C-alpha atoms as a PDB file:
ATOM      1  CA  MET A   1      -7.716   0.730  -4.683  1.00  0.00           C
ATOM      2  CA  ALA A   2      -6.817  -2.017  -7.148  1.00  0.00           C
ATOM      3  CA  THR A   3      -6.894   0.311 -10.138  1.00  0.00           C
ATOM      4  CA  TYR A   4      -5.050   3.064  -8.314  1.00  0.00           C
ATOM      5  CA  LEU A   5      -2.383   0.693  -6.991  1.00  0.00           C
ATOM      6  CA  ALA A   6      -1.789  -0.722 -10.480  1.00  0.00           C
ATOM      7  CA  GLU A   7      -1.466   2.777 -11.968  1.00  0.00           C
ATOM      8  CA  TRP A   8       0.765   3.950  -9.134  1.00  0.00           C
ATOM      9  CA  LEU A   9       2.992   0.901  -9.541  1.00  0.00           C
ATOM     10  CA  ARG A  10       3.346   1.598 -13.271  1.00  0.00           C
ATOM     11  CA  LEU A  11       4.542   5.130 -12.447  1.00  0.00           C
ATOM     12  CA  LYS A  12       6.965   3.852  -9.796  1.00  0.00           C
ATOM     13  CA  GLU A  13       8.630   1.488 -12.276  1.00  0.00           C
ATOM     14  CA  ARG A  14      10.340   4.424 -13.973  1.00  0.00           C
ATOM     15  CA  ALA A  15      11.466   6.005 -10.708  1.00  0.00           C
ATOM     16  CA  LEU A  16      12.780   3.016  -8.746  1.00  0.00           C
ATOM     17  CA  LYS A  17      15.782   0.750  -9.003  1.00  0.00           C
ATOM     18  CA  PRO A  18      14.817  -2.628 -10.488  1.00  0.00           C
ATOM     19  CA  THR A  19      15.230  -4.473  -7.188  1.00  0.00           C
ATOM     20  CA  THR A  20      13.126  -1.928  -5.298  1.00  0.00           C
ATOM     21  CA  PHE A  21      10.475  -2.001  -8.002  1.00  0.00           C
ATOM     22  CA  ALA A  22      10.373  -5.824  -7.827  1.00  0.00           C
ATOM     23  CA  ARG A  23       9.736  -5.639  -4.081  1.00  0.00           C
ATOM     24  CA  TYR A  24       7.001  -3.021  -4.582  1.00  0.00           C
ATOM     25  CA  ARG A  25       5.424  -5.144  -7.340  1.00  0.00           C
ATOM     26  CA  ASP A  26       5.424  -8.200  -5.090  1.00  0.00           C
ATOM     27  CA  HIS A  27       3.852  -6.249  -2.216  1.00  0.00           C
ATOM     28  CA  VAL A  28       1.174  -4.751  -4.444  1.00  0.00           C
ATOM     29  CA  HIS A  29       0.166  -7.973  -6.175  1.00  0.00           C
ATOM     30  CA  ALA A  30       0.592 -10.458  -3.321  1.00  0.00           C
ATOM     31  CA  ASP A  31      -0.635  -8.362  -0.397  1.00  0.00           C
ATOM     32  CA  LEU A  32      -2.117  -4.962  -1.107  1.00  0.00           C
ATOM     33  CA  ILE A  33      -4.502  -5.609  -3.988  1.00  0.00           C
ATOM     34  CA  PRO A  34      -5.857  -8.802  -2.390  1.00  0.00           C
ATOM     35  CA  SER A  35      -6.358  -6.973   0.912  1.00  0.00           C
ATOM     36  CA  PHE A  36      -7.467  -3.504  -0.184  1.00  0.00           C
ATOM     37  CA  GLY A  37      -8.326  -3.844  -3.881  1.00  0.00           C
ATOM     38  CA  ARG A  38     -12.102  -3.649  -3.523  1.00  0.00           C
ATOM     39  CA  LEU A  39     -11.972  -0.604  -1.267  1.00  0.00           C
ATOM     40  CA  PRO A  40     -12.367   2.732  -3.050  1.00  0.00           C
ATOM     41  CA  LEU A  41      -9.281   4.893  -2.544  1.00  0.00           C
ATOM     42  CA  THR A  42     -11.415   7.683  -1.131  1.00  0.00           C
ATOM     43  CA  ASP A  43     -12.773   5.325   1.545  1.00  0.00           C
ATOM     44  CA  LEU A  44      -9.364   4.208   2.843  1.00  0.00           C
ATOM     45  CA  ARG A  45      -8.991   4.968   6.547  1.00  0.00           C
ATOM     46  CA  ALA A  46      -6.347   4.324   9.173  1.00  0.00           C
ATOM     47  CA  ARG A  47      -8.603   1.644  10.693  1.00  0.00           C
ATOM     48  CA  HIS A  48      -8.316  -0.404   7.492  1.00  0.00           C
ATOM     49  CA  ILE A  49      -4.538  -0.301   7.656  1.00  0.00           C
ATOM     50  CA  THR A  50      -4.499  -1.083  11.370  1.00  0.00           C
ATOM     51  CA  ALA A  51      -6.879  -4.032  10.916  1.00  0.00           C
ATOM     52  CA  TRP A  52      -4.746  -5.388   8.065  1.00  0.00           C
ATOM     53  CA  SER A  53      -1.560  -5.044  10.119  1.00  0.00           C
ATOM     54  CA  GLU A  54      -3.082  -6.767  13.146  1.00  0.00           C
ATOM     55  CA  ALA A  55      -4.475  -9.589  11.002  1.00  0.00           C
ATOM     56  CA  GLU A  56      -1.117 -10.168   9.318  1.00  0.00           C
ATOM     57  CA  LEU A  57       0.696 -10.291  12.664  1.00  0.00           C
ATOM     58  CA  ALA A  58      -1.960 -12.643  14.069  1.00  0.00           C
ATOM     59  CA  ARG A  59      -1.406 -14.955  11.094  1.00  0.00           C
ATOM     60  CA  GLY A  60       2.227 -15.164  12.148  1.00  0.00           C
ATOM     61  CA  ARG A  61       3.701 -12.787   9.631  1.00  0.00           C
ATOM     62  CA  GLY A  62       6.847 -11.107  10.879  1.00  0.00           C
ATOM     63  CA  ARG A  63       6.804  -7.528  12.092  1.00  0.00           C
ATOM     64  CA  THR A  64       9.525  -6.569   9.623  1.00  0.00           C
ATOM     65  CA  ALA A  65       7.577  -7.959   6.660  1.00  0.00           C
ATOM     66  CA  VAL A  66       4.389  -6.187   7.751  1.00  0.00           C
ATOM     67  CA  HIS A  67       6.310  -2.952   8.232  1.00  0.00           C
ATOM     68  CA  ARG A  68       7.928  -3.171   4.785  1.00  0.00           C
ATOM     69  CA  ILE A  69       4.634  -3.861   3.057  1.00  0.00           C
ATOM     70  CA  GLY A  70       3.083  -1.009   5.029  1.00  0.00           C
ATOM     71  CA  ALA A  71       5.887   1.314   3.958  1.00  0.00           C
ATOM     72  CA  THR A  72       5.253   0.413   0.333  1.00  0.00           C
ATOM     73  CA  PHE A  73       1.545   0.939   0.839  1.00  0.00           C
ATOM     74  CA  SER A  74       1.909   4.338   2.490  1.00  0.00           C
ATOM     75  CA  SER A  75       3.684   5.614  -0.596  1.00  0.00           C
ATOM     76  CA  ALA A  76       0.625   5.097  -2.817  1.00  0.00           C
ATOM     77  CA  PRO A  77      -1.839   7.266  -0.846  1.00  0.00           C
ATOM     78  CA  SER A  78       0.922   9.847  -0.348  1.00  0.00           C
ATOM     79  CA  HIS A  79       1.229  10.060  -4.121  1.00  0.00           C
ATOM     80  CA  ALA A  80      -2.560  10.347  -4.395  1.00  0.00           C
ATOM     81  CA  VAL A  81      -2.472  13.340  -2.032  1.00  0.00           C
ATOM     82  CA  ARG A  82       0.369  15.009  -3.958  1.00  0.00           C
ATOM     83  CA  THR A  83      -1.538  14.581  -7.213  1.00  0.00           C
ATOM     84  CA  ARG A  84      -4.802  15.724  -5.575  1.00  0.00           C
ATOM     85  CA  VAL A  85      -6.641  12.458  -6.107  1.00  0.00           C
ATOM     86  CA  ILE A  86      -7.518  12.432  -2.394  1.00  0.00           C
ATOM     87  CA  ALA A  87      -7.398  15.219   0.177  1.00  0.00           C
ATOM     88  CA  ALA A  88      -5.484  13.464   2.961  1.00  0.00           C
ATOM     89  CA  ASN A  89      -3.383  10.386   3.536  1.00  0.00           C
ATOM     90  CA  PRO A  90      -4.546   8.025   6.260  1.00  0.00           C
ATOM     91  CA  PRO A  91      -1.781   7.508   8.784  1.00  0.00           C
ATOM     92  CA  SER A  92       0.703   4.882   7.717  1.00  0.00           C
ATOM     93  CA  MET A  93       1.406   1.710   9.602  1.00  0.00           C
ATOM     94  CA  PRO A  94       0.879   1.856  13.366  1.00  0.00           C
END
């Protein structure tokens, strides 16, 4: 996931407004790579996303923050499906 997220983020830089890209970059580097980076993209399942979401909420992170990070995250596997890197996108945030 770490390699894919970094590559995906590089592609998004050209397509997003600078402020949106900055938010995506922060989510990827501060939350997504530390949480999912060691997991192969092809092994990502909805249970991983659900467990992450529940853990973040249990730590006291706000629902809005978790939702926004999840929305950023769901874009990466969606892109992987469109480019045929993986066959299906695990469901996004619960």
